[in-house]
Amino acid sequence: MPKYDKADIERRMVGAVESLKSDLSGLRTGRANVALLDPVMVEVYGSMMPLNQVATVSAPEPRMLSVQVWDRSNVTPVEKGIAHANLGLNPMIDGQTLRLPLPDLTEERRKELAKLAGKYAEGAKIAIRNVRRDGMEALKEDEKKKDISEDDRKRMEDEVQKLTDRFVADVDAAAAHKEKEILQP
């Protein structure tokens, strides 16, 4: 049975791109984005939970996030969770709602965020290249076991390379778009 599976390789490459897009959505661009609070974990009911499981996050204004906590007893833990997430946000409590004004990004902070976006993109490219390597090794093993011919191996290696090129281009486009978004005041 051949080890090479094009669908699996493509699925893993798509996963790397989706993971990058998820990471990039959490980077601040100066505009309110509910995804900014996705990584926030809150200690409630004796365990750590994602913020979106104890509150509703919305963006009522371009430079403000609002967190509506469902249970009044969780307001303080949610405030602590946001403060410990190192997002540079200072929650203001208003009953069961926390208001998070987004401060202006300094030029230096914008450059740091752009570098971070580049680092995320490089991580995604490495993941894609690792998937390509796995595919190439599987093809060589299949050829050794006489499951495929040398011509088939070369043709399929070209397919894997084309997939790799396509997904690396997707990563570059996503990173360039996010960097442009971050660097615009």
Protein backbone atom coordinates (compact mmCIF):
# COMPACT_ATOMS: atom_id res chain seq x y z
CA MET A 1 0.00 0.00 0.00
CA PRO A 2 1.52 3.38 -1.01
CA LYS A 3 2.45 5.75 1.82
CA TYR A 4 2.04 8.89 -0.32
CA ASP A 5 -1.34 10.60 0.10
CA LYS A 6 -1.81 13.87 -1.79
CA ALA A 7 -5.06 14.71 0.05
CA ASP A 8 -3.32 14.36 3.43
CA ILE A 9 -0.44 16.58 2.34
CA GLU A 10 -2.82 19.24 1.04
CA ARG A 11 -4.90 19.04 4.24
CA ARG A 12 -1.80 19.56 6.39
CA MET A 13 -0.66 22.53 4.28
CA VAL A 14 -4.14 24.09 4.51
CA GLY A 15 -3.93 23.60 8.28
CA ALA A 16 -0.63 25.52 8.43
CA VAL A 17 -2.15 28.46 6.51
CA GLU A 18 -5.32 28.45 8.66
CA SER A 19 -3.20 28.40 11.83
CA LEU A 20 -1.24 31.40 10.55
CA LYS A 21 -4.43 33.32 9.78
CA SER A 22 -5.69 32.57 13.28
CA ASP A 23 -2.42 33.81 14.81
CA LEU A 24 -2.47 36.95 12.67
CA SER A 25 -6.04 37.79 13.62
CA GLY A 26 -4.90 38.08 17.24
CA LEU A 27 -2.38 40.81 16.43
CA ARG A 28 -3.53 44.32 17.24
CA THR A 29 -3.84 46.74 14.35
CA GLY A 30 -5.20 49.74 16.21
CA ARG A 31 -8.80 48.90 15.35
CA ALA A 32 -11.04 46.95 17.69
CA ASN A 33 -11.20 43.28 16.72
CA VAL A 34 -12.96 40.70 18.89
CA ALA A 35 -10.32 38.10 17.88
CA LEU A 36 -7.81 40.12 19.92
CA LEU A 37 -9.20 38.50 23.09
CA ASP A 38 -9.25 34.92 21.74
CA PRO A 39 -6.04 33.87 23.57
CA VAL A 40 -7.31 35.19 26.94
CA MET A 41 -7.84 32.45 29.54
CA VAL A 42 -9.87 33.11 32.69
CA GLU A 43 -9.80 31.18 35.99
CA VAL A 44 -13.43 30.52 36.89
CA TYR A 45 -15.22 27.69 38.67
CA GLY A 46 -11.86 26.25 39.70
CA SER A 47 -10.44 25.80 36.19
CA MET A 48 -8.98 27.80 33.30
CA MET A 49 -11.48 28.59 30.52
CA PRO A 50 -11.31 30.63 27.34
CA LEU A 51 -12.85 34.10 27.73
CA ASN A 52 -15.49 33.35 25.07
CA GLN A 53 -16.95 30.62 27.34
CA VAL A 54 -17.74 33.03 30.19
CA ALA A 55 -18.51 36.29 28.35
CA THR A 56 -19.59 37.87 25.08
CA VAL A 57 -17.00 40.05 23.34
CA SER A 58 -18.10 42.81 20.98
CA ALA A 59 -16.65 45.91 19.31
CA PRO A 60 -19.24 48.69 19.77
CA GLU A 61 -16.80 51.38 18.57
CA PRO A 62 -13.71 51.31 16.32
CA ARG A 63 -11.36 51.85 19.28
CA MET A 64 -13.26 50.02 22.05
CA LEU A 65 -13.96 46.41 22.98
CA SER A 66 -16.80 45.46 25.29
CA VAL A 67 -16.86 42.25 27.33
CA GLN A 68 -20.28 41.32 28.71
CA VAL A 69 -19.69 38.80 31.53
CA TRP A 70 -22.57 36.34 31.94
CA ASP A 71 -22.15 35.65 35.66
CA ARG A 72 -21.62 38.66 37.97
CA SER A 73 -19.25 36.62 40.19
CA ASN A 74 -16.86 36.20 37.23
CA VAL A 75 -16.27 39.91 36.56
CA THR A 76 -13.08 40.13 38.67
CA PRO A 77 -11.52 36.88 37.29
CA VAL A 78 -12.25 38.09 33.73
CA GLU A 79 -10.58 41.42 34.50
CA LYS A 80 -7.52 39.60 35.91
CA GLY A 81 -7.39 37.26 32.88
CA ILE A 82 -7.36 40.20 30.47
CA ALA A 83 -4.71 42.00 32.53
CA HIS A 84 -2.48 38.87 32.66
CA ALA A 85 -2.71 38.36 28.87
CA ASN A 86 -0.19 41.21 28.32
CA LEU A 87 -2.25 42.80 25.54
CA GLY A 88 -1.67 46.33 26.82
CA LEU A 89 -5.36 46.77 27.64
CA ASN A 90 -6.73 48.30 30.84
CA PRO A 91 -10.27 47.06 31.55
CA MET A 92 -12.79 49.49 33.08
CA ILE A 93 -15.58 47.75 35.00
CA ASP A 94 -19.14 48.97 34.41
CA GLY A 95 -21.49 46.57 36.23
CA GLN A 96 -21.24 43.20 34.42
CA THR A 97 -19.53 44.81 31.42
CA LEU A 98 -15.84 45.50 30.98
CA ARG A 99 -14.89 48.28 28.59
CA LEU A 100 -11.48 48.02 26.95
CA PRO A 101 -10.35 51.21 25.21
CA LEU A 102 -7.61 50.49 22.68
CA PRO A 103 -4.68 52.87 23.12
CA ASP A 104 -2.96 54.27 20.04
CA LEU A 105 -0.10 52.14 18.78
CA THR A 106 3.29 53.83 18.80
CA GLU A 107 5.49 53.57 15.72
CA GLU A 108 7.89 51.34 17.66
CA ARG A 109 5.05 49.01 18.72
CA ARG A 110 3.79 48.85 15.12
CA LYS A 111 7.23 47.73 13.95
CA GLU A 112 7.38 45.08 16.70
CA LEU A 113 3.96 43.74 15.66
CA ALA A 114 5.01 43.69 11.99
CA LYS A 115 8.11 41.67 12.97
CA LEU A 116 5.92 39.31 14.96
CA ALA A 117 3.65 38.84 11.93
CA GLY A 118 6.76 37.98 9.89
CA LYS A 119 7.82 35.46 12.54
CA TYR A 120 4.39 33.79 12.43
CA ALA A 121 4.62 33.63 8.64
CA GLU A 122 8.07 32.04 8.79
CA GLY A 123 6.75 29.41 11.22
CA ALA A 124 3.93 28.59 8.78
CA LYS A 125 6.41 28.29 5.88
CA ILE A 126 8.55 25.91 7.94
CA ALA A 127 5.48 23.79 8.67
CA ILE A 128 4.62 23.69 4.95
CA ARG A 129 8.18 22.72 4.02
CA ASN A 130 8.09 19.94 6.63
CA VAL A 131 4.92 18.58 5.04
CA ARG A 132 6.63 18.73 1.64
CA ARG A 133 9.60 16.80 3.03
CA ASP A 134 7.29 14.14 4.45
CA GLY A 135 5.58 13.81 1.06
CA MET A 136 8.88 13.49 -0.80
CA GLU A 137 10.12 10.84 1.65
CA ALA A 138 6.87 8.89 1.28
CA LEU A 139 7.28 8.95 -2.52
CA LYS A 140 10.85 7.65 -2.28
CA GLU A 141 9.73 4.84 0.04
CA ASP A 142 6.91 3.93 -2.36
CA GLU A 143 9.41 3.80 -5.24
CA LYS A 144 11.77 1.59 -3.17
CA LYS A 145 8.91 -0.80 -2.40
CA LYS A 146 8.08 -0.87 -6.12
CA ASP A 147 4.59 0.59 -5.48
CA ILE A 148 5.28 3.35 -8.04
CA SER A 149 7.70 3.82 -10.94
CA GLU A 150 10.49 6.41 -11.08
CA ASP A 151 8.48 8.46 -13.60
CA ASP A 152 5.45 8.45 -11.29
CA ARG A 153 7.62 9.53 -8.37
CA LYS A 154 9.04 12.46 -10.34
CA ARG A 155 5.59 13.52 -11.55
CA MET A 156 4.18 13.36 -8.02
CA GLU A 157 7.18 15.22 -6.60
CA ASP A 158 6.36 18.03 -9.05
CA GLU A 159 2.76 18.02 -7.74
CA VAL A 160 4.00 18.27 -4.15
CA GLN A 161 6.31 21.14 -5.11
CA LYS A 162 3.46 22.99 -6.85
CA LEU A 163 1.28 22.57 -3.75
CA THR A 164 4.14 23.85 -1.60
CA ASP A 165 4.67 26.89 -3.84
CA ARG A 166 0.94 27.68 -3.81
CA PHE A 167 0.63 27.53 -0.02
CA VAL A 168 3.86 29.48 0.58
CA ALA A 169 2.44 32.19 -1.71
CA ASP A 170 -0.76 32.17 0.41
CA VAL A 171 1.35 32.62 3.57
CA ASP A 172 3.30 35.49 1.99
CA ALA A 173 0.08 37.21 0.90
CA ALA A 174 -1.54 36.88 4.34
CA ALA A 175 1.58 38.18 6.11
CA ALA A 176 2.00 41.10 3.69
CA HIS A 177 -1.66 42.07 4.14
CA LYS A 178 -1.35 41.98 7.95
CA GLU A 179 1.92 43.94 7.96
CA LYS A 180 0.34 46.62 5.77
CA GLU A 181 -2.66 46.74 8.12
CA ILE A 182 -0.40 47.06 11.19
CA LEU A 183 1.90 49.74 9.75
CA GLN A 184 -0.96 52.01 8.61
CA PRO A 185 -1.70 54.55 11.35
